[in-house]
Amino acid sequence: MCVAAKRKKITLGKPGAACSDAQVSDIRSPCTGVCRIDPRTKWCLGCRRTLAEIADWPRLSPKGKRAVLAGLAARKG
């Protein structure tokens, strides 16, 4: 069982198994608490997400959250 599953007391999977989307749905938000939108890029100055990405975050699947996080790396700088 993965660490996150233990934390949530989920008993799916074999000991030492990697976490699956079914086991872990709480991927941390990239929010930094600096919540201001850049008028030019329309990205948050803290986390670089768009308003739509920020609003959608709680409803995104783990796969969707990972896709947003992967896109943020290209927005840095």
N, C-alpha and C. Protein backbone atom coordinates (compact mmCIF):
# COMPACT_ATOMS: atom_id res chain seq x y z
N MET A 1 0.86 -1.18 0.00
CA MET A 1 0.00 0.00 0.00
C MET A 1 0.90 1.23 0.00
N CYS A 2 0.54 2.22 -0.77
CA CYS A 2 1.36 3.43 -0.86
C CYS A 2 1.17 4.29 0.39
N VAL A 3 2.07 5.23 0.60
CA VAL A 3 2.04 6.09 1.79
C VAL A 3 0.76 6.90 1.84
N ALA A 4 0.35 7.46 0.71
CA ALA A 4 -0.88 8.27 0.70
C ALA A 4 -2.09 7.41 1.04
N ALA A 5 -2.12 6.18 0.56
CA ALA A 5 -3.23 5.29 0.88
C ALA A 5 -3.24 4.97 2.37
N LYS A 6 -2.07 4.77 2.97
CA LYS A 6 -2.00 4.53 4.41
C LYS A 6 -2.55 5.72 5.17
N ARG A 7 -2.18 6.91 4.74
CA ARG A 7 -2.63 8.13 5.40
C ARG A 7 -4.15 8.23 5.37
N LYS A 8 -4.74 7.79 4.26
CA LYS A 8 -6.20 7.84 4.12
C LYS A 8 -6.86 6.55 4.60
N LYS A 9 -6.07 5.60 5.09
CA LYS A 9 -6.56 4.30 5.57
C LYS A 9 -7.28 3.54 4.47
N ILE A 10 -6.72 3.60 3.27
CA ILE A 10 -7.26 2.84 2.15
C ILE A 10 -6.53 1.51 2.13
N THR A 11 -7.24 0.43 1.94
CA THR A 11 -6.62 -0.88 2.01
C THR A 11 -6.54 -1.56 0.65
N LEU A 12 -6.58 -0.81 -0.42
CA LEU A 12 -6.47 -1.37 -1.76
C LEU A 12 -5.02 -1.68 -2.08
N GLY A 13 -4.79 -2.67 -2.92
CA GLY A 13 -3.45 -2.93 -3.43
C GLY A 13 -2.60 -3.77 -2.50
N LYS A 14 -1.45 -4.13 -3.01
CA LYS A 14 -0.49 -4.96 -2.28
C LYS A 14 0.48 -4.07 -1.51
N PRO A 15 1.06 -4.57 -0.44
CA PRO A 15 2.07 -3.78 0.28
C PRO A 15 3.20 -3.37 -0.66
N GLY A 16 3.58 -2.12 -0.58
CA GLY A 16 4.68 -1.60 -1.39
C GLY A 16 4.28 -1.23 -2.80
N ALA A 17 3.02 -1.38 -3.14
CA ALA A 17 2.57 -1.08 -4.51
C ALA A 17 2.55 0.43 -4.73
N ALA A 18 2.71 0.81 -5.98
CA ALA A 18 2.64 2.22 -6.34
C ALA A 18 1.21 2.69 -6.20
N CYS A 19 1.03 3.97 -5.95
CA CYS A 19 -0.31 4.54 -5.82
C CYS A 19 -0.97 4.63 -7.18
N SER A 20 -2.24 4.36 -7.22
CA SER A 20 -3.01 4.52 -8.45
C SER A 20 -3.91 5.73 -8.30
N ASP A 21 -4.53 6.16 -9.41
CA ASP A 21 -5.46 7.28 -9.35
C ASP A 21 -6.61 6.99 -8.41
N ALA A 22 -7.01 5.73 -8.31
CA ALA A 22 -8.11 5.37 -7.42
C ALA A 22 -7.72 5.55 -5.95
N GLN A 23 -6.42 5.39 -5.65
CA GLN A 23 -5.98 5.50 -4.27
C GLN A 23 -5.66 6.93 -3.86
N VAL A 24 -5.18 7.73 -4.79
CA VAL A 24 -4.75 9.08 -4.45
C VAL A 24 -5.47 10.08 -5.33
N SER A 25 -6.29 10.89 -4.73
CA SER A 25 -6.99 11.90 -5.50
C SER A 25 -6.69 13.30 -4.96
N ASP A 26 -5.76 13.39 -4.03
CA ASP A 26 -5.49 14.68 -3.39
C ASP A 26 -4.12 15.24 -3.77
N ILE A 27 -3.88 15.37 -5.06
CA ILE A 27 -2.64 16.00 -5.53
C ILE A 27 -2.69 17.45 -5.08
N ARG A 28 -1.62 17.90 -4.46
CA ARG A 28 -1.60 19.25 -3.89
C ARG A 28 -1.73 20.32 -4.96
N SER A 29 -2.47 21.35 -4.61
CA SER A 29 -2.61 22.51 -5.48
C SER A 29 -1.28 23.25 -5.54
N PRO A 30 -0.95 23.81 -6.70
CA PRO A 30 0.29 24.59 -6.80
C PRO A 30 0.15 26.01 -6.25
N CYS A 31 -0.98 26.32 -5.66
CA CYS A 31 -1.21 27.68 -5.14
C CYS A 31 -0.13 28.08 -4.14
N THR A 32 0.39 29.29 -4.30
CA THR A 32 1.42 29.81 -3.40
C THR A 32 0.88 30.89 -2.47
N GLY A 33 -0.40 31.24 -2.64
CA GLY A 33 -1.00 32.29 -1.82
C GLY A 33 -0.79 33.68 -2.40
N VAL A 34 -0.09 33.79 -3.52
CA VAL A 34 0.09 35.07 -4.22
C VAL A 34 -0.92 35.06 -5.35
N CYS A 35 -2.12 35.50 -5.07
CA CYS A 35 -3.24 35.35 -6.00
C CYS A 35 -3.54 36.66 -6.72
N ARG A 36 -2.75 36.92 -7.74
CA ARG A 36 -2.95 38.10 -8.59
C ARG A 36 -2.80 37.67 -10.03
N ILE A 37 -3.72 38.11 -10.87
CA ILE A 37 -3.68 37.72 -12.27
C ILE A 37 -2.92 38.76 -13.09
N ASP A 38 -1.96 38.30 -13.86
CA ASP A 38 -1.19 39.17 -14.75
C ASP A 38 -2.11 39.55 -15.91
N PRO A 39 -2.34 40.85 -16.14
CA PRO A 39 -3.27 41.26 -17.20
C PRO A 39 -2.78 40.90 -18.61
N ARG A 40 -1.48 40.73 -18.77
CA ARG A 40 -0.94 40.40 -20.09
C ARG A 40 -1.08 38.90 -20.40
N THR A 41 -0.63 38.06 -19.48
CA THR A 41 -0.64 36.61 -19.72
C THR A 41 -1.94 35.94 -19.28
N LYS A 42 -2.66 36.58 -18.37
CA LYS A 42 -3.87 36.01 -17.75
C LYS A 42 -3.54 34.83 -16.84
N TRP A 43 -2.30 34.77 -16.36
CA TRP A 43 -1.87 33.73 -15.43
C TRP A 43 -1.76 34.33 -14.03
N CYS A 44 -1.99 33.51 -13.03
CA CYS A 44 -1.77 33.93 -11.65
C CYS A 44 -0.27 34.17 -11.46
N LEU A 45 0.08 35.25 -10.81
CA LEU A 45 1.49 35.57 -10.58
C LEU A 45 2.15 34.59 -9.61
N GLY A 46 1.36 33.94 -8.77
CA GLY A 46 1.92 33.00 -7.81
C GLY A 46 2.12 31.61 -8.38
N CYS A 47 1.07 31.04 -8.95
CA CYS A 47 1.13 29.64 -9.39
C CYS A 47 1.17 29.48 -10.91
N ARG A 48 0.96 30.54 -11.63
CA ARG A 48 0.99 30.55 -13.11
C ARG A 48 -0.20 29.82 -13.76
N ARG A 49 -1.24 29.51 -12.96
CA ARG A 49 -2.42 28.90 -13.56
C ARG A 49 -3.36 29.98 -14.09
N THR A 50 -4.21 29.59 -15.04
CA THR A 50 -5.24 30.49 -15.53
C THR A 50 -6.41 30.46 -14.54
N LEU A 51 -7.33 31.42 -14.67
CA LEU A 51 -8.50 31.41 -13.80
C LEU A 51 -9.31 30.12 -13.98
N ALA A 52 -9.41 29.64 -15.22
CA ALA A 52 -10.14 28.40 -15.48
C ALA A 52 -9.47 27.21 -14.78
N GLU A 53 -8.14 27.15 -14.84
CA GLU A 53 -7.42 26.06 -14.19
C GLU A 53 -7.58 26.12 -12.67
N ILE A 54 -7.58 27.31 -12.13
CA ILE A 54 -7.77 27.48 -10.69
C ILE A 54 -9.18 27.03 -10.30
N ALA A 55 -10.18 27.47 -11.05
CA ALA A 55 -11.57 27.12 -10.75
C ALA A 55 -11.83 25.63 -10.92
N ASP A 56 -11.21 25.02 -11.91
CA ASP A 56 -11.45 23.60 -12.21
C ASP A 56 -10.69 22.65 -11.28
N TRP A 57 -9.65 23.12 -10.60
CA TRP A 57 -8.76 22.25 -9.83
C TRP A 57 -9.49 21.26 -8.92
N PRO A 58 -10.46 21.68 -8.11
CA PRO A 58 -11.09 20.72 -7.20
C PRO A 58 -11.83 19.58 -7.91
N ARG A 59 -12.25 19.82 -9.15
CA ARG A 59 -13.01 18.81 -9.89
C ARG A 59 -12.16 17.98 -10.85
N LEU A 60 -10.91 18.36 -11.04
CA LEU A 60 -10.06 17.62 -11.97
C LEU A 60 -9.69 16.25 -11.43
N SER A 61 -9.54 15.30 -12.33
CA SER A 61 -9.05 13.98 -11.96
C SER A 61 -7.56 14.10 -11.65
N PRO A 62 -6.98 13.11 -10.99
CA PRO A 62 -5.54 13.15 -10.77
C PRO A 62 -4.77 13.30 -12.08
N LYS A 63 -5.22 12.65 -13.14
CA LYS A 63 -4.56 12.77 -14.44
C LYS A 63 -4.65 14.21 -14.95
N GLY A 64 -5.82 14.84 -14.79
CA GLY A 64 -5.99 16.22 -15.20
C GLY A 64 -5.12 17.18 -14.40
N LYS A 65 -4.99 16.91 -13.10
CA LYS A 65 -4.14 17.76 -12.25
C LYS A 65 -2.68 17.63 -12.65
N ARG A 66 -2.25 16.40 -12.94
CA ARG A 66 -0.86 16.22 -13.38
C ARG A 66 -0.62 16.93 -14.71
N ALA A 67 -1.61 16.95 -15.59
CA ALA A 67 -1.47 17.65 -16.87
C ALA A 67 -1.32 19.16 -16.65
N VAL A 68 -2.10 19.72 -15.74
CA VAL A 68 -1.97 21.15 -15.42
C VAL A 68 -0.58 21.42 -14.85
N LEU A 69 -0.15 20.60 -13.91
CA LEU A 69 1.17 20.80 -13.30
C LEU A 69 2.29 20.71 -14.33
N ALA A 70 2.17 19.79 -15.28
CA ALA A 70 3.19 19.66 -16.32
C ALA A 70 3.22 20.91 -17.20
N GLY A 71 2.08 21.49 -17.47
CA GLY A 71 2.02 22.70 -18.28
C GLY A 71 2.60 23.92 -17.58
N LEU A 72 2.55 23.93 -16.26
CA LEU A 72 3.07 25.08 -15.50
C LEU A 72 4.56 25.23 -15.64
N ALA A 73 5.25 24.12 -15.80
CA ALA A 73 6.71 24.18 -15.92
C ALA A 73 7.13 25.02 -17.14
N ALA A 74 6.37 24.94 -18.20
CA ALA A 74 6.67 25.71 -19.42
C ALA A 74 6.36 27.20 -19.24
N ARG A 75 5.54 27.54 -18.27
CA ARG A 75 5.16 28.94 -18.04
C ARG A 75 6.13 29.67 -17.13
N LYS A 76 6.99 28.98 -16.46
CA LYS A 76 7.95 29.62 -15.56
C LYS A 76 8.95 30.43 -16.37
N GLY A 77 9.29 31.58 -15.84
CA GLY A 77 10.34 32.35 -16.48
C GLY A 77 9.88 33.37 -17.37
